[in-house]
Amino acid sequence: MRSGFDQSHFELDMHDMELGFSILDQSFVAICAVAWSIKALERILGGR
């Protein structure tokens, strides 16, 4: 009984970790996209 409860709790933690990592990946991609667009704008504005 006890080990079954621990196993289900562990699976829940793993699911939360996967969810957190996917959110982290999305925000990382968004930050990279923003940084890249800012660099591109600086290059365009600086090229004038």
N, C-alpha and C. Protein backbone atom coordinates (compact mmCIF):
# COMPACT_ATOMS: atom_id res chain seq x y z
N MET A 1 0.85 -1.20 0.00
CA MET A 1 0.00 0.00 0.00
C MET A 1 0.88 1.25 0.00
N ARG A 2 1.88 1.24 0.89
CA ARG A 2 2.75 2.41 1.03
C ARG A 2 3.56 2.66 -0.25
N SER A 3 4.15 1.60 -0.82
CA SER A 3 5.01 1.77 -1.99
C SER A 3 4.18 2.25 -3.19
N GLY A 4 2.93 1.80 -3.29
CA GLY A 4 2.08 2.25 -4.39
C GLY A 4 1.82 3.74 -4.33
N PHE A 5 1.61 4.26 -3.12
CA PHE A 5 1.37 5.70 -2.94
C PHE A 5 2.62 6.49 -3.34
N ASP A 6 3.78 6.00 -2.90
CA ASP A 6 5.04 6.70 -3.23
C ASP A 6 5.27 6.71 -4.74
N GLN A 7 4.93 5.59 -5.40
CA GLN A 7 5.16 5.52 -6.85
C GLN A 7 4.27 6.52 -7.58
N SER A 8 2.99 6.61 -7.20
CA SER A 8 2.10 7.54 -7.88
C SER A 8 2.54 8.99 -7.61
N HIS A 9 3.02 9.25 -6.41
CA HIS A 9 3.49 10.60 -6.07
C HIS A 9 4.72 10.94 -6.91
N PHE A 10 5.60 9.95 -7.11
CA PHE A 10 6.81 10.17 -7.91
C PHE A 10 6.43 10.46 -9.36
N GLU A 11 5.45 9.72 -9.90
CA GLU A 11 5.01 9.95 -11.27
C GLU A 11 4.44 11.36 -11.42
N LEU A 12 3.72 11.83 -10.39
CA LEU A 12 3.16 13.17 -10.43
C LEU A 12 4.29 14.21 -10.47
N ASP A 13 5.33 13.99 -9.65
CA ASP A 13 6.47 14.91 -9.64
C ASP A 13 7.16 14.94 -11.00
N MET A 14 7.33 13.76 -11.61
CA MET A 14 7.96 13.71 -12.93
C MET A 14 7.13 14.48 -13.95
N HIS A 15 5.80 14.38 -13.88
CA HIS A 15 4.94 15.11 -14.81
C HIS A 15 5.08 16.60 -14.61
N ASP A 16 5.13 17.04 -13.35
CA ASP A 16 5.30 18.47 -13.07
C ASP A 16 6.65 18.96 -13.59
N MET A 17 7.69 18.13 -13.45
CA MET A 17 9.01 18.52 -13.94
C MET A 17 8.99 18.66 -15.46
N GLU A 18 8.35 17.73 -16.16
CA GLU A 18 8.27 17.81 -17.61
C GLU A 18 7.52 19.06 -18.03
N LEU A 19 6.44 19.38 -17.33
CA LEU A 19 5.66 20.58 -17.62
C LEU A 19 6.52 21.82 -17.41
N GLY A 20 7.26 21.85 -16.33
CA GLY A 20 8.13 22.99 -16.04
C GLY A 20 9.21 23.14 -17.09
N PHE A 21 9.79 22.03 -17.54
CA PHE A 21 10.84 22.11 -18.55
C PHE A 21 10.28 22.60 -19.87
N SER A 22 9.07 22.18 -20.25
CA SER A 22 8.50 22.63 -21.52
C SER A 22 8.22 24.14 -21.47
N ILE A 23 7.73 24.62 -20.32
CA ILE A 23 7.49 26.06 -20.16
C ILE A 23 8.83 26.80 -20.22
N LEU A 24 9.85 26.24 -19.59
CA LEU A 24 11.17 26.86 -19.59
C LEU A 24 11.72 26.92 -21.01
N ASP A 25 11.56 25.84 -21.78
CA ASP A 25 12.03 25.83 -23.16
C ASP A 25 11.32 26.88 -23.99
N GLN A 26 10.00 27.01 -23.82
CA GLN A 26 9.24 27.99 -24.60
C GLN A 26 9.70 29.40 -24.28
N SER A 27 9.90 29.71 -23.00
CA SER A 27 10.33 31.05 -22.62
C SER A 27 11.75 31.31 -23.12
N PHE A 28 12.60 30.28 -23.11
CA PHE A 28 13.97 30.43 -23.61
C PHE A 28 13.96 30.74 -25.10
N VAL A 29 13.13 30.03 -25.86
CA VAL A 29 13.01 30.29 -27.30
C VAL A 29 12.49 31.70 -27.55
N ALA A 30 11.50 32.12 -26.75
CA ALA A 30 10.94 33.46 -26.91
C ALA A 30 11.99 34.53 -26.62
N ILE A 31 12.78 34.33 -25.56
CA ILE A 31 13.83 35.30 -25.22
C ILE A 31 14.87 35.36 -26.34
N CYS A 32 15.25 34.21 -26.89
CA CYS A 32 16.21 34.19 -28.00
C CYS A 32 15.65 34.92 -29.21
N ALA A 33 14.37 34.73 -29.50
CA ALA A 33 13.75 35.39 -30.65
C ALA A 33 13.74 36.90 -30.46
N VAL A 34 13.42 37.34 -29.25
CA VAL A 34 13.40 38.78 -28.97
C VAL A 34 14.81 39.36 -29.08
N ALA A 35 15.79 38.67 -28.51
CA ALA A 35 17.17 39.16 -28.57
C ALA A 35 17.64 39.21 -30.02
N TRP A 36 17.29 38.20 -30.83
CA TRP A 36 17.71 38.18 -32.23
C TRP A 36 17.06 39.33 -32.99
N SER A 37 15.78 39.58 -32.75
CA SER A 37 15.10 40.67 -33.47
C SER A 37 15.66 42.03 -33.06
N ILE A 38 16.04 42.19 -31.77
CA ILE A 38 16.64 43.45 -31.33
C ILE A 38 17.99 43.65 -32.02
N LYS A 39 18.79 42.58 -32.11
CA LYS A 39 20.08 42.69 -32.80
C LYS A 39 19.88 43.03 -34.27
N ALA A 40 18.88 42.42 -34.88
CA ALA A 40 18.59 42.69 -36.30
C ALA A 40 18.17 44.16 -36.47
N LEU A 41 17.34 44.67 -35.58
CA LEU A 41 16.92 46.07 -35.66
C LEU A 41 18.10 47.00 -35.48
N GLU A 42 18.97 46.71 -34.52
CA GLU A 42 20.16 47.54 -34.31
C GLU A 42 21.04 47.54 -35.55
N ARG A 43 21.16 46.38 -36.19
CA ARG A 43 21.99 46.28 -37.39
C ARG A 43 21.36 47.10 -38.52
N ILE A 44 20.03 47.03 -38.66
CA ILE A 44 19.34 47.77 -39.72
C ILE A 44 19.45 49.28 -39.45
N LEU A 45 19.16 49.69 -38.21
CA LEU A 45 19.21 51.12 -37.88
C LEU A 45 20.64 51.64 -37.92
N GLY A 46 21.59 50.83 -37.52
CA GLY A 46 22.99 51.26 -37.51
C GLY A 46 23.57 51.31 -38.92
N GLY A 47 22.97 50.57 -39.84
CA GLY A 47 23.48 50.53 -41.21
C GLY A 47 23.13 51.76 -42.03
N ARG A 48 22.19 52.57 -41.53
CA ARG A 48 21.78 53.74 -42.30
C ARG A 48 22.89 54.77 -42.36
